Amino acid sequence: MANPTRKIDTKSGPDGKRRHGKRVPVPSDQLDNWLISRAEEKGFIADQDSIIVQPGYVYVNKEGKGQGKRLRSARYDGTLKVTNPKRLNETIISGIGPAKAFGFGLLSVAPVLGTSE
């Protein structure tokens, strides 16, 4: 389960410091591309033909903090090929994408049965 978002209006301020833009949900038709574009730097290649994406939203509310938030969610199921075992191990430990404090970005991996790789 991931929180596929992107930042808009990210720019440098008058003092030269980089300002973070607003985080917005990735459109439904671009959810598979969100994962694919991050895969290689995270130590794997996603098999585009095997990816099944289940889009949705998760509602979160910090206790006593007023109105909750609606966060974009997408569950990704499919096959990946490991390209950098060390980097993939780091990704499994640290997660992928934003909203990890809310349980997003955790990877669950298992070997494909019947392969020798």
PDB file of N, CA and C in Angstrom:
ATOM      1  N   MET A   1       0.855  -1.166   0.000  1.00  0.00           N
ATOM      2  CA  MET A   1       0.000   0.000   0.000  1.00  0.00           C
ATOM      3  C   MET A   1       0.901   1.229   0.000  1.00  0.00           C
ATOM      4  N   ALA A   2       0.654   2.124  -0.922  1.00  0.00           N
ATOM      5  CA  ALA A   2       1.471   3.334  -1.040  1.00  0.00           C
ATOM      6  C   ALA A   2       0.580   4.565  -1.046  1.00  0.00           C
ATOM      7  N   ASN A   3       1.199   5.711  -0.866  1.00  0.00           N
ATOM      8  CA  ASN A   3       0.533   7.007  -0.930  1.00  0.00           C
ATOM      9  C   ASN A   3       1.107   7.748  -2.138  1.00  0.00           C
ATOM     10  N   PRO A   4       0.609   7.422  -3.348  1.00  0.00           N
ATOM     11  CA  PRO A   4       1.167   8.028  -4.559  1.00  0.00           C
ATOM     12  C   PRO A   4       0.738   9.492  -4.705  1.00  0.00           C
ATOM     13  N   THR A   5       1.695  10.376  -4.486  1.00  0.00           N
ATOM     14  CA  THR A   5       1.441  11.810  -4.601  1.00  0.00           C
ATOM     15  C   THR A   5       2.592  12.446  -5.363  1.00  0.00           C
ATOM     16  N   ARG A   6       2.396  13.702  -5.704  1.00  0.00           N
ATOM     17  CA  ARG A   6       3.450  14.497  -6.328  1.00  0.00           C
ATOM     18  C   ARG A   6       3.342  15.908  -5.776  1.00  0.00           C
ATOM     19  N   LYS A   7       4.425  16.663  -5.885  1.00  0.00           N
ATOM     20  CA  LYS A   7       4.424  18.043  -5.403  1.00  0.00           C
ATOM     21  C   LYS A   7       4.236  18.990  -6.571  1.00  0.00           C
ATOM     22  N   ILE A   8       3.437  20.033  -6.345  1.00  0.00           N
ATOM     23  CA  ILE A   8       3.256  21.076  -7.345  1.00  0.00           C
ATOM     24  C   ILE A   8       3.713  22.401  -6.747  1.00  0.00           C
ATOM     25  N   ASP A   9       4.083  23.326  -7.594  1.00  0.00           N
ATOM     26  CA  ASP A   9       4.521  24.666  -7.188  1.00  0.00           C
ATOM     27  C   ASP A   9       5.750  24.649  -6.289  1.00  0.00           C
ATOM     28  N   THR A  10       6.677  23.715  -6.532  1.00  0.00           N
ATOM     29  CA  THR A  10       7.944  23.704  -5.809  1.00  0.00           C
ATOM     30  C   THR A  10       8.881  24.679  -6.511  1.00  0.00           C
ATOM     31  N   LYS A  11       9.380  25.651  -5.758  1.00  0.00           N
ATOM     32  CA  LYS A  11      10.258  26.654  -6.360  1.00  0.00           C
ATOM     33  C   LYS A  11      11.149  27.273  -5.306  1.00  0.00           C
ATOM     34  N   SER A  12      12.094  28.062  -5.740  1.00  0.00           N
ATOM     35  CA  SER A  12      12.992  28.759  -4.830  1.00  0.00           C
ATOM     36  C   SER A  12      12.386  30.103  -4.449  1.00  0.00           C
ATOM     37  N   GLY A  13      12.526  30.439  -3.165  1.00  0.00           N
ATOM     38  CA  GLY A  13      12.021  31.708  -2.672  1.00  0.00           C
ATOM     39  C   GLY A  13      13.004  32.830  -2.922  1.00  0.00           C
ATOM     40  N   PRO A  14      12.635  34.079  -2.561  1.00  0.00           N
ATOM     41  CA  PRO A  14      13.500  35.228  -2.782  1.00  0.00           C
ATOM     42  C   PRO A  14      14.830  35.123  -2.040  1.00  0.00           C
ATOM     43  N   ASP A  15      14.860  34.355  -0.934  1.00  0.00           N
ATOM     44  CA  ASP A  15      16.092  34.186  -0.170  1.00  0.00           C
ATOM     45  C   ASP A  15      16.964  33.056  -0.728  1.00  0.00           C
ATOM     46  N   GLY A  16      16.512  32.419  -1.819  1.00  0.00           N
ATOM     47  CA  GLY A  16      17.275  31.357  -2.449  1.00  0.00           C
ATOM     48  C   GLY A  16      16.993  29.966  -1.897  1.00  0.00           C
ATOM     49  N   LYS A  17      16.214  29.899  -0.812  1.00  0.00           N
ATOM     50  CA  LYS A  17      15.880  28.591  -0.238  1.00  0.00           C
ATOM     51  C   LYS A  17      14.782  27.922  -1.061  1.00  0.00           C
ATOM     52  N   ARG A  18      14.924  26.631  -1.226  1.00  0.00           N
ATOM     53  CA  ARG A  18      13.938  25.861  -1.987  1.00  0.00           C
ATOM     54  C   ARG A  18      12.690  25.657  -1.134  1.00  0.00           C
ATOM     55  N   ARG A  19      11.539  25.979  -1.693  1.00  0.00           N
ATOM     56  CA  ARG A  19      10.261  25.823  -1.007  1.00  0.00           C
ATOM     57  C   ARG A  19       9.584  24.551  -1.490  1.00  0.00           C
ATOM     58  N   HIS A  20       9.056  23.798  -0.565  1.00  0.00           N
ATOM     59  CA  HIS A  20       8.323  22.588  -0.934  1.00  0.00           C
ATOM     60  C   HIS A  20       6.927  22.974  -1.387  1.00  0.00           C
ATOM     61  N   GLY A  21       6.515  22.385  -2.478  1.00  0.00           N
ATOM     62  CA  GLY A  21       5.186  22.664  -3.001  1.00  0.00           C
ATOM     63  C   GLY A  21       4.133  21.844  -2.298  1.00  0.00           C
ATOM     64  N   LYS A  22       2.909  22.043  -2.725  1.00  0.00           N
ATOM     65  CA  LYS A  22       1.778  21.310  -2.159  1.00  0.00           C
ATOM     66  C   LYS A  22       1.785  19.886  -2.698  1.00  0.00           C
ATOM     67  N   ARG A  23       1.518  18.923  -1.826  1.00  0.00           N
ATOM     68  CA  ARG A  23       1.454  17.519  -2.222  1.00  0.00           C
ATOM     69  C   ARG A  23       0.033  17.206  -2.672  1.00  0.00           C
ATOM     70  N   VAL A  24      -0.095  16.678  -3.888  1.00  0.00           N
ATOM     71  CA  VAL A  24      -1.412  16.350  -4.453  1.00  0.00           C
ATOM     72  C   VAL A  24      -1.440  14.892  -4.908  1.00  0.00           C
ATOM     73  N   PRO A  25      -2.609  14.254  -4.908  1.00  0.00           N
ATOM     74  CA  PRO A  25      -2.707  12.858  -5.341  1.00  0.00           C
ATOM     75  C   PRO A  25      -2.357  12.696  -6.814  1.00  0.00           C
ATOM     76  N   VAL A  26      -1.750  11.563  -7.139  1.00  0.00           N
ATOM     77  CA  VAL A  26      -1.471  11.206  -8.521  1.00  0.00           C
ATOM     78  C   VAL A  26      -2.786  10.749  -9.150  1.00  0.00           C
ATOM     79  N   PRO A  27      -3.121  11.201 -10.363  1.00  0.00           N
ATOM     80  CA  PRO A  27      -4.363  10.757 -11.018  1.00  0.00           C
ATOM     81  C   PRO A  27      -4.400   9.232 -11.186  1.00  0.00           C
ATOM     82  N   SER A  28      -5.584   8.671 -11.162  1.00  0.00           N
ATOM     83  CA  SER A  28      -5.761   7.215 -11.238  1.00  0.00           C
ATOM     84  C   SER A  28      -5.084   6.588 -12.448  1.00  0.00           C
ATOM     85  N   ASP A  29      -5.102   7.270 -13.586  1.00  0.00           N
ATOM     86  CA  ASP A  29      -4.514   6.688 -14.794  1.00  0.00           C
ATOM     87  C   ASP A  29      -2.981   6.735 -14.794  1.00  0.00           C
ATOM     88  N   GLN A  30      -2.376   7.326 -13.763  1.00  0.00           N
ATOM     89  CA  GLN A  30      -0.921   7.411 -13.679  1.00  0.00           C
ATOM     90  C   GLN A  30      -0.340   6.659 -12.478  1.00  0.00           C
ATOM     91  N   LEU A  31      -1.167   5.876 -11.789  1.00  0.00           N
ATOM     92  CA  LEU A  31      -0.713   5.190 -10.583  1.00  0.00           C
ATOM     93  C   LEU A  31       0.375   4.152 -10.863  1.00  0.00           C
ATOM     94  N   ASP A  32       0.244   3.401 -11.971  1.00  0.00           N
ATOM     95  CA  ASP A  32       1.285   2.417 -12.275  1.00  0.00           C
ATOM     96  C   ASP A  32       2.599   3.112 -12.640  1.00  0.00           C
ATOM     97  N   ASN A  33       2.526   4.238 -13.334  1.00  0.00           N
ATOM     98  CA  ASN A  33       3.735   4.990 -13.686  1.00  0.00           C
ATOM     99  C   ASN A  33       4.442   5.552 -12.453  1.00  0.00           C
ATOM    100  N   TRP A  34       3.671   5.876 -11.411  1.00  0.00           N
ATOM    101  CA  TRP A  34       4.250   6.380 -10.168  1.00  0.00           C
ATOM    102  C   TRP A  34       5.205   5.337  -9.593  1.00  0.00           C
ATOM    103  N   LEU A  35       4.768   4.079  -9.549  1.00  0.00           N
ATOM    104  CA  LEU A  35       5.620   3.013  -9.020  1.00  0.00           C
ATOM    105  C   LEU A  35       6.794   2.730  -9.946  1.00  0.00           C
ATOM    106  N   ILE A  36       6.534   2.620 -11.220  1.00  0.00           N
ATOM    107  CA  ILE A  36       7.572   2.294 -12.196  1.00  0.00           C
ATOM    108  C   ILE A  36       8.680   3.349 -12.193  1.00  0.00           C
ATOM    109  N   SER A  37       8.303   4.628 -12.061  1.00  0.00           N
ATOM    110  CA  SER A  37       9.303   5.696 -12.093  1.00  0.00           C
ATOM    111  C   SER A  37      10.213   5.693 -10.861  1.00  0.00           C
ATOM    112  N   ARG A  38       9.783   5.104  -9.762  1.00  0.00           N
ATOM    113  CA  ARG A  38      10.585   5.055  -8.550  1.00  0.00           C
ATOM    114  C   ARG A  38      11.345   3.738  -8.393  1.00  0.00           C
ATOM    115  N   ALA A  39      10.953   2.733  -9.144  1.00  0.00           N
ATOM    116  CA  ALA A  39      11.457   1.374  -8.949  1.00  0.00           C
ATOM    117  C   ALA A  39      12.971   1.256  -9.064  1.00  0.00           C
ATOM    118  N   GLU A  40      13.551   1.738 -10.141  1.00  0.00           N
ATOM    119  CA  GLU A  40      14.972   1.499 -10.381  1.00  0.00           C
ATOM    120  C   GLU A  40      15.847   2.110  -9.290  1.00  0.00           C
ATOM    121  N   GLU A  41      15.531   3.326  -8.837  1.00  0.00           N
ATOM    122  CA  GLU A  41      16.329   3.935  -7.775  1.00  0.00           C
ATOM    123  C   GLU A  41      16.139   3.218  -6.444  1.00  0.00           C
ATOM    124  N   LYS A  42      15.091   2.404  -6.345  1.00  0.00           N
ATOM    125  CA  LYS A  42      14.811   1.651  -5.120  1.00  0.00           C
ATOM    126  C   LYS A  42      15.321   0.224  -5.180  1.00  0.00           C
ATOM    127  N   GLY A  43      15.977  -0.163  -6.288  1.00  0.00           N
ATOM    128  CA  GLY A  43      16.623  -1.463  -6.367  1.00  0.00           C
ATOM    129  C   GLY A  43      15.856  -2.550  -7.082  1.00  0.00           C
ATOM    130  N   PHE A  44      14.833  -2.179  -7.842  1.00  0.00           N
ATOM    131  CA  PHE A  44      14.070  -3.188  -8.572  1.00  0.00           C
ATOM    132  C   PHE A  44      13.466  -2.614  -9.840  1.00  0.00           C
ATOM    133  N   ILE A  45      12.996  -3.512 -10.678  1.00  0.00           N
ATOM    134  CA  ILE A  45      12.233  -3.144 -11.875  1.00  0.00           C
ATOM    135  C   ILE A  45      10.870  -3.806 -11.728  1.00  0.00           C
ATOM    136  N   ALA A  46       9.810  -3.035 -11.885  1.00  0.00           N
ATOM    137  CA  ALA A  46       8.453  -3.581 -11.797  1.00  0.00           C
ATOM    138  C   ALA A  46       8.032  -4.110 -13.159  1.00  0.00           C
ATOM    139  N   ASP A  47       7.507  -5.321 -13.187  1.00  0.00           N
ATOM    140  CA  ASP A  47       6.997  -5.907 -14.424  1.00  0.00           C
ATOM    141  C   ASP A  47       5.655  -5.249 -14.732  1.00  0.00           C
ATOM    142  N   GLN A  48       5.667  -4.312 -15.665  1.00  0.00           N
ATOM    143  CA  GLN A  48       4.486  -3.506 -15.970  1.00  0.00           C
ATOM    144  C   GLN A  48       3.269  -4.351 -16.335  1.00  0.00           C
ATOM    145  N   ASP A  49       3.489  -5.485 -17.007  1.00  0.00           N
ATOM    146  CA  ASP A  49       2.371  -6.334 -17.416  1.00  0.00           C
ATOM    147  C   ASP A  49       1.736  -7.080 -16.248  1.00  0.00           C
ATOM    148  N   SER A  50       2.458  -7.206 -15.133  1.00  0.00           N
ATOM    149  CA  SER A  50       1.913  -7.962 -13.997  1.00  0.00           C
ATOM    150  C   SER A  50       1.316  -7.070 -12.905  1.00  0.00           C
ATOM    151  N   ILE A  51       1.491  -5.774 -13.010  1.00  0.00           N
ATOM    152  CA  ILE A  51       1.039  -4.871 -11.947  1.00  0.00           C
ATOM    153  C   ILE A  51      -0.479  -4.760 -11.928  1.00  0.00           C
ATOM    154  N   ILE A  52      -1.039  -4.986 -10.758  1.00  0.00           N
ATOM    155  CA  ILE A  52      -2.467  -4.754 -10.513  1.00  0.00           C
ATOM    156  C   ILE A  52      -2.538  -3.638  -9.479  1.00  0.00           C
ATOM    157  N   VAL A  53      -3.248  -2.574  -9.801  1.00  0.00           N
ATOM    158  CA  VAL A  53      -3.351  -1.421  -8.916  1.00  0.00           C
ATOM    159  C   VAL A  53      -4.782  -1.315  -8.403  1.00  0.00           C
ATOM    160  N   GLN A  54      -4.917  -1.219  -7.089  1.00  0.00           N
ATOM    161  CA  GLN A  54      -6.221  -1.008  -6.457  1.00  0.00           C
ATOM    162  C   GLN A  54      -6.202   0.382  -5.814  1.00  0.00           C
ATOM    163  N   PRO A  55      -6.742   1.397  -6.521  1.00  0.00           N
ATOM    164  CA  PRO A  55      -6.720   2.754  -5.973  1.00  0.00           C
ATOM    165  C   PRO A  55      -7.798   2.957  -4.910  1.00  0.00           C
ATOM    166  N   GLY A  56      -7.558   3.932  -4.053  1.00  0.00           N
ATOM    167  CA  GLY A  56      -8.538   4.265  -3.031  1.00  0.00           C
ATOM    168  C   GLY A  56      -8.067   5.433  -2.194  1.00  0.00           C
ATOM    169  N   TYR A  57      -8.683   5.580  -1.037  1.00  0.00           N
ATOM    170  CA  TYR A  57      -8.313   6.618  -0.077  1.00  0.00           C
ATOM    171  C   TYR A  57      -8.355   6.029   1.320  1.00  0.00           C
ATOM    172  N   VAL A  58      -7.512   6.551   2.193  1.00  0.00           N
ATOM    173  CA  VAL A  58      -7.499   6.175   3.592  1.00  0.00           C
ATOM    174  C   VAL A  58      -7.755   7.449   4.378  1.00  0.00           C
ATOM    175  N   TYR A  59      -8.614   7.358   5.364  1.00  0.00           N
ATOM    176  CA  TYR A  59      -8.937   8.511   6.198  1.00  0.00           C
ATOM    177  C   TYR A  59      -8.182   8.392   7.517  1.00  0.00           C
ATOM    178  N   VAL A  60      -7.436   9.437   7.868  1.00  0.00           N
ATOM    179  CA  VAL A  60      -6.641   9.442   9.093  1.00  0.00           C
ATOM    180  C   VAL A  60      -6.993  10.665   9.917  1.00  0.00           C
ATOM    181  N   ASN A  61      -6.856  10.530  11.232  1.00  0.00           N
ATOM    182  CA  ASN A  61      -7.123  11.638  12.131  1.00  0.00           C
ATOM    183  C   ASN A  61      -6.257  11.464  13.361  1.00  0.00           C
ATOM    184  N   LYS A  62      -5.368  12.414  13.591  1.00  0.00           N
ATOM    185  CA  LYS A  62      -4.574  12.387  14.808  1.00  0.00           C
ATOM    186  C   LYS A  62      -5.499  12.764  15.958  1.00  0.00           C
ATOM    187  N   GLU A  63      -5.418  12.006  17.014  1.00  0.00           N
ATOM    188  CA  GLU A  63      -6.313  12.203  18.151  1.00  0.00           C
ATOM    189  C   GLU A  63      -6.248  13.640  18.673  1.00  0.00           C
ATOM    190  N   GLY A  64      -7.404  14.285  18.750  1.00  0.00           N
ATOM    191  CA  GLY A  64      -7.487  15.632  19.284  1.00  0.00           C
ATOM    192  C   GLY A  64      -6.974  16.721  18.365  1.00  0.00           C
ATOM    193  N   LYS A  65      -6.760  16.418  17.095  1.00  0.00           N
ATOM    194  CA  LYS A  65      -6.192  17.397  16.175  1.00  0.00           C
ATOM    195  C   LYS A  65      -7.215  17.933  15.181  1.00  0.00           C
ATOM    196  N   GLY A  66      -8.472  17.901  15.507  1.00  0.00           N
ATOM    197  CA  GLY A  66      -9.483  18.460  14.621  1.00  0.00           C
ATOM    198  C   GLY A  66      -9.890  17.517  13.512  1.00  0.00           C
ATOM    199  N   GLN A  67     -10.220  18.087  12.378  1.00  0.00           N
ATOM    200  CA  GLN A  67     -10.709  17.307  11.250  1.00  0.00           C
ATOM    201  C   GLN A  67      -9.611  16.423  10.659  1.00  0.00           C
ATOM    202  N   GLY A  68      -9.969  15.218  10.266  1.00  0.00           N
ATOM    203  CA  GLY A  68      -9.006  14.279   9.696  1.00  0.00           C
ATOM    204  C   GLY A  68      -8.645  14.619   8.262  1.00  0.00           C
ATOM    205  N   LYS A  69      -7.781  13.785   7.696  1.00  0.00           N
ATOM    206  CA  LYS A  69      -7.329  13.976   6.319  1.00  0.00           C
ATOM    207  C   LYS A  69      -7.700  12.757   5.491  1.00  0.00           C
ATOM    208  N   ARG A  70      -7.871  12.991   4.222  1.00  0.00           N
ATOM    209  CA  ARG A  70      -8.090  11.918   3.263  1.00  0.00           C
ATOM    210  C   ARG A  70      -6.811  11.775   2.448  1.00  0.00           C
ATOM    211  N   LEU A  71      -6.175  10.619   2.549  1.00  0.00           N
ATOM    212  CA  LEU A  71      -4.919  10.378   1.846  1.00  0.00           C
ATOM    213  C   LEU A  71      -5.139   9.399   0.702  1.00  0.00           C
ATOM    214  N   ARG A  72      -4.554   9.698  -0.442  1.00  0.00           N
ATOM    215  CA  ARG A  72      -4.623   8.828  -1.612  1.00  0.00           C
ATOM    216  C   ARG A  72      -3.916   7.523  -1.277  1.00  0.00           C
ATOM    217  N   SER A  73      -4.505   6.399  -1.620  1.00  0.00           N
ATOM    218  CA  SER A  73      -3.848   5.120  -1.417  1.00  0.00           C
ATOM    219  C   SER A  73      -3.897   4.304  -2.703  1.00  0.00           C
ATOM    220  N   ALA A  74      -2.952   3.408  -2.832  1.00  0.00           N
ATOM    221  CA  ALA A  74      -2.945   2.467  -3.949  1.00  0.00           C
ATOM    222  C   ALA A  74      -2.232   1.208  -3.482  1.00  0.00           C
ATOM    223  N   ARG A  75      -2.905   0.104  -3.663  1.00  0.00           N
ATOM    224  CA  ARG A  75      -2.278  -1.186  -3.356  1.00  0.00           C
ATOM    225  C   ARG A  75      -1.733  -1.736  -4.662  1.00  0.00           C
ATOM    226  N   TYR A  76      -0.456  -2.069  -4.644  1.00  0.00           N
ATOM    227  CA  TYR A  76       0.219  -2.600  -5.823  1.00  0.00           C
ATOM    228  C   TYR A  76       0.503  -4.081  -5.601  1.00  0.00           C
ATOM    229  N   ASP A  77       0.066  -4.903  -6.535  1.00  0.00           N
ATOM    230  CA  ASP A  77       0.399  -6.327  -6.540  1.00  0.00           C
ATOM    231  C   ASP A  77       1.020  -6.633  -7.887  1.00  0.00           C
ATOM    232  N   GLY A  78       2.063  -7.447  -7.888  1.00  0.00           N
ATOM    233  CA  GLY A  78       2.699  -7.797  -9.150  1.00  0.00           C
ATOM    234  C   GLY A  78       4.066  -8.406  -8.924  1.00  0.00           C
ATOM    235  N   THR A  79       4.785  -8.527 -10.008  1.00  0.00           N
ATOM    236  CA  THR A  79       6.105  -9.142  -9.988  1.00  0.00           C
ATOM    237  C   THR A  79       7.169  -8.081 -10.204  1.00  0.00           C
ATOM    238  N   LEU A  80       8.243  -8.198  -9.459  1.00  0.00           N
ATOM    239  CA  LEU A  80       9.371  -7.297  -9.648  1.00  0.00           C
ATOM    240  C   LEU A  80      10.644  -8.109  -9.818  1.00  0.00           C
ATOM    241  N   LYS A  81      11.622  -7.488 -10.429  1.00  0.00           N
ATOM    242  CA  LYS A  81      12.932  -8.115 -10.596  1.00  0.00           C
ATOM    243  C   LYS A  81      13.942  -7.282  -9.832  1.00  0.00           C
ATOM    244  N   VAL A  82      14.700  -7.919  -8.982  1.00  0.00           N
ATOM    245  CA  VAL A  82      15.692  -7.228  -8.174  1.00  0.00           C
ATOM    246  C   VAL A  82      16.879  -6.853  -9.060  1.00  0.00           C
ATOM    247  N   THR A  83      17.236  -5.570  -9.065  1.00  0.00           N
ATOM    248  CA  THR A  83      18.388  -5.095  -9.832  1.00  0.00           C
ATOM    249  C   THR A  83      19.548  -4.709  -8.924  1.00  0.00           C
ATOM    250  N   ASN A  84      19.243  -4.341  -7.683  1.00  0.00           N
ATOM    251  CA  ASN A  84      20.264  -3.947  -6.719  1.00  0.00           C
ATOM    252  C   ASN A  84      19.818  -4.462  -5.345  1.00  0.00           C
ATOM    253  N   PRO A  85      20.279  -5.664  -4.963  1.00  0.00           N
ATOM    254  CA  PRO A  85      19.816  -6.266  -3.708  1.00  0.00           C
ATOM    255  C   PRO A  85      20.042  -5.385  -2.474  1.00  0.00           C
ATOM    256  N   LYS A  86      21.178  -4.710  -2.404  1.00  0.00           N
ATOM    257  CA  LYS A  86      21.463  -3.851  -1.252  1.00  0.00           C
ATOM    258  C   LYS A  86      20.460  -2.704  -1.182  1.00  0.00           C
ATOM    259  N   ARG A  87      20.211  -2.064  -2.311  1.00  0.00           N
ATOM    260  CA  ARG A  87      19.266  -0.930  -2.343  1.00  0.00           C
ATOM    261  C   ARG A  87      17.845  -1.398  -2.053  1.00  0.00           C
ATOM    262  N   LEU A  88      17.451  -2.566  -2.582  1.00  0.00           N
ATOM    263  CA  LEU A  88      16.118  -3.094  -2.295  1.00  0.00           C
ATOM    264  C   LEU A  88      15.969  -3.379  -0.806  1.00  0.00           C
ATOM    265  N   ASN A  89      17.011  -3.920  -0.184  1.00  0.00           N
ATOM    266  CA  ASN A  89      16.965  -4.176   1.255  1.00  0.00           C
ATOM    267  C   ASN A  89      16.760  -2.872   2.022  1.00  0.00           C
ATOM    268  N   GLU A  90      17.447  -1.808   1.617  1.00  0.00           N
ATOM    269  CA  GLU A  90      17.263  -0.497   2.245  1.00  0.00           C
ATOM    270  C   GLU A  90      15.827   0.000   2.046  1.00  0.00           C
ATOM    271  N   THR A  91      15.269  -0.242   0.857  1.00  0.00           N
ATOM    272  CA  THR A  91      13.894   0.181   0.563  1.00  0.00           C
ATOM    273  C   THR A  91      12.899  -0.583   1.421  1.00  0.00           C
ATOM    274  N   ILE A  92      13.139  -1.874   1.609  1.00  0.00           N
ATOM    275  CA  ILE A  92      12.250  -2.677   2.461  1.00  0.00           C
ATOM    276  C   ILE A  92      12.278  -2.142   3.890  1.00  0.00           C
ATOM    277  N   ILE A  93      13.448  -1.743   4.353  1.00  0.00           N
ATOM    278  CA  ILE A  93      13.582  -1.209   5.713  1.00  0.00           C
ATOM    279  C   ILE A  93      12.952   0.174   5.840  1.00  0.00           C
ATOM    280  N   SER A  94      13.207   1.068   4.865  1.00  0.00           N
ATOM    281  CA  SER A  94      12.770   2.462   4.989  1.00  0.00           C
ATOM    282  C   SER A  94      11.444   2.775   4.307  1.00  0.00           C
ATOM    283  N   GLY A  95      10.976   1.906   3.411  1.00  0.00           N
ATOM    284  CA  GLY A  95       9.706   2.136   2.727  1.00  0.00           C
ATOM    285  C   GLY A  95       9.866   2.943   1.452  1.00  0.00           C
ATOM    286  N   ILE A  96       8.742   3.151   0.774  1.00  0.00           N
ATOM    287  CA  ILE A  96       8.744   3.869  -0.494  1.00  0.00           C
ATOM    288  C   ILE A  96       7.592   4.878  -0.492  1.00  0.00           C
ATOM    289  N   GLY A  97       7.898   6.098  -0.900  1.00  0.00           N
ATOM    290  CA  GLY A  97       6.871   7.138  -1.002  1.00  0.00           C
ATOM    291  C   GLY A  97       6.609   7.835   0.324  1.00  0.00           C
ATOM    292  N   PRO A  98       5.674   8.791   0.323  1.00  0.00           N
ATOM    293  CA  PRO A  98       5.348   9.557   1.531  1.00  0.00           C
ATOM    294  C   PRO A  98       4.336   8.838   2.424  1.00  0.00           C
ATOM    295  N   ALA A  99       4.021   9.457   3.544  1.00  0.00           N
ATOM    296  CA  ALA A  99       3.001   9.029   4.514  1.00  0.00           C
ATOM    297  C   ALA A  99       3.350   7.718   5.206  1.00  0.00           C
ATOM    298  N   LYS A 100       4.637   7.450   5.367  1.00  0.00           N
ATOM    299  CA  LYS A 100       5.047   6.221   6.052  1.00  0.00           C
ATOM    300  C   LYS A 100       4.598   6.227   7.516  1.00  0.00           C
ATOM    301  N   ALA A 101       4.446   7.401   8.114  1.00  0.00           N
ATOM    302  CA  ALA A 101       3.974   7.493   9.494  1.00  0.00           C
ATOM    303  C   ALA A 101       2.542   6.973   9.635  1.00  0.00           C
ATOM    304  N   PHE A 102       1.821   6.914   8.528  1.00  0.00           N
ATOM    305  CA  PHE A 102       0.453   6.401   8.532  1.00  0.00           C
ATOM    306  C   PHE A 102       0.377   4.966   8.010  1.00  0.00           C
ATOM    307  N   GLY A 103       1.534   4.310   7.849  1.00  0.00           N
ATOM    308  CA  GLY A 103       1.568   2.921   7.425  1.00  0.00           C
ATOM    309  C   GLY A 103       1.685   2.702   5.936  1.00  0.00           C
ATOM    310  N   PHE A 104       1.917   3.742   5.172  1.00  0.00           N
ATOM    311  CA  PHE A 104       2.088   3.603   3.727  1.00  0.00           C
ATOM    312  C   PHE A 104       3.539   3.260   3.403  1.00  0.00           C
ATOM    313  N   GLY A 105       3.750   2.693   2.214  1.00  0.00           N
ATOM    314  CA  GLY A 105       5.088   2.497   1.688  1.00  0.00           C
ATOM    315  C   GLY A 105       5.809   1.244   2.121  1.00  0.00           C
ATOM    316  N   LEU A 106       5.152   0.387   2.891  1.00  0.00           N
ATOM    317  CA  LEU A 106       5.805  -0.842   3.328  1.00  0.00           C
ATOM    318  C   LEU A 106       5.733  -1.874   2.210  1.00  0.00           C
ATOM    319  N   LEU A 107       6.856  -2.536   1.956  1.00  0.00           N
ATOM    320  CA  LEU A 107       6.907  -3.554   0.909  1.00  0.00           C
ATOM    321  C   LEU A 107       6.818  -4.942   1.520  1.00  0.00           C
ATOM    322  N   SER A 108       6.074  -5.791   0.892  1.00  0.00           N
ATOM    323  CA  SER A 108       5.990  -7.199   1.269  1.00  0.00           C
ATOM    324  C   SER A 108       6.432  -7.984   0.047  1.00  0.00           C
ATOM    325  N   VAL A 109       7.549  -8.705   0.150  1.00  0.00           N
ATOM    326  CA  VAL A 109       8.101  -9.414  -1.002  1.00  0.00           C
ATOM    327  C   VAL A 109       8.250 -10.893  -0.682  1.00  0.00           C
ATOM    328  N   ALA A 110       8.165 -11.704  -1.726  1.00  0.00           N
ATOM    329  CA  ALA A 110       8.344 -13.154  -1.615  1.00  0.00           C
ATOM    330  C   ALA A 110       8.869 -13.662  -2.945  1.00  0.00           C
ATOM    331  N   PRO A 111       9.661 -14.726  -2.929  1.00  0.00           N
ATOM    332  CA  PRO A 111      10.155 -15.262  -4.204  1.00  0.00           C
ATOM    333  C   PRO A 111       9.012 -15.855  -5.021  1.00  0.00           C
ATOM    334  N   VAL A 112       9.165 -15.804  -6.327  1.00  0.00           N
ATOM    335  CA  VAL A 112       8.186 -16.414  -7.214  1.00  0.00           C
ATOM    336  C   VAL A 112       8.459 -17.896  -7.213  1.00  0.00           C
ATOM    337  N   LEU A 113       7.446 -18.690  -6.943  1.00  0.00           N
ATOM    338  CA  LEU A 113       7.607 -20.141  -6.903  1.00  0.00           C
ATOM    339  C   LEU A 113       7.903 -20.697  -8.283  1.00  0.00           C
ATOM    340  N   GLY A 114       8.768 -21.684  -8.353  1.00  0.00           N
ATOM    341  CA  GLY A 114       9.065 -22.340  -9.612  1.00  0.00           C
ATOM    342  C   GLY A 114      10.135 -21.667 -10.436  1.00  0.00           C
ATOM    343  N   THR A 115      10.859 -20.679  -9.848  1.00  0.00           N
ATOM    344  CA  THR A 115      11.946 -20.037 -10.582  1.00  0.00           C
ATOM    345  C   THR A 115      13.257 -20.371  -9.898  1.00  0.00           C
ATOM    346  N   SER A 116      14.322 -20.317 -10.642  1.00  0.00           N
ATOM    347  CA  SER A 116      15.629 -20.605 -10.080  1.00  0.00           C
ATOM    348  C   SER A 116      16.399 -19.337  -9.734  1.00  0.00           C
ATOM    349  N   GLU A 117      15.794 -18.181  -9.938  1.00  0.00           N
ATOM    350  CA  GLU A 117      16.475 -16.900  -9.663  1.00  0.00           C
ATOM    351  C   GLU A 117      16.338 -16.514  -8.214  1.00  0.00           C
TER     352      GLU A 117
END
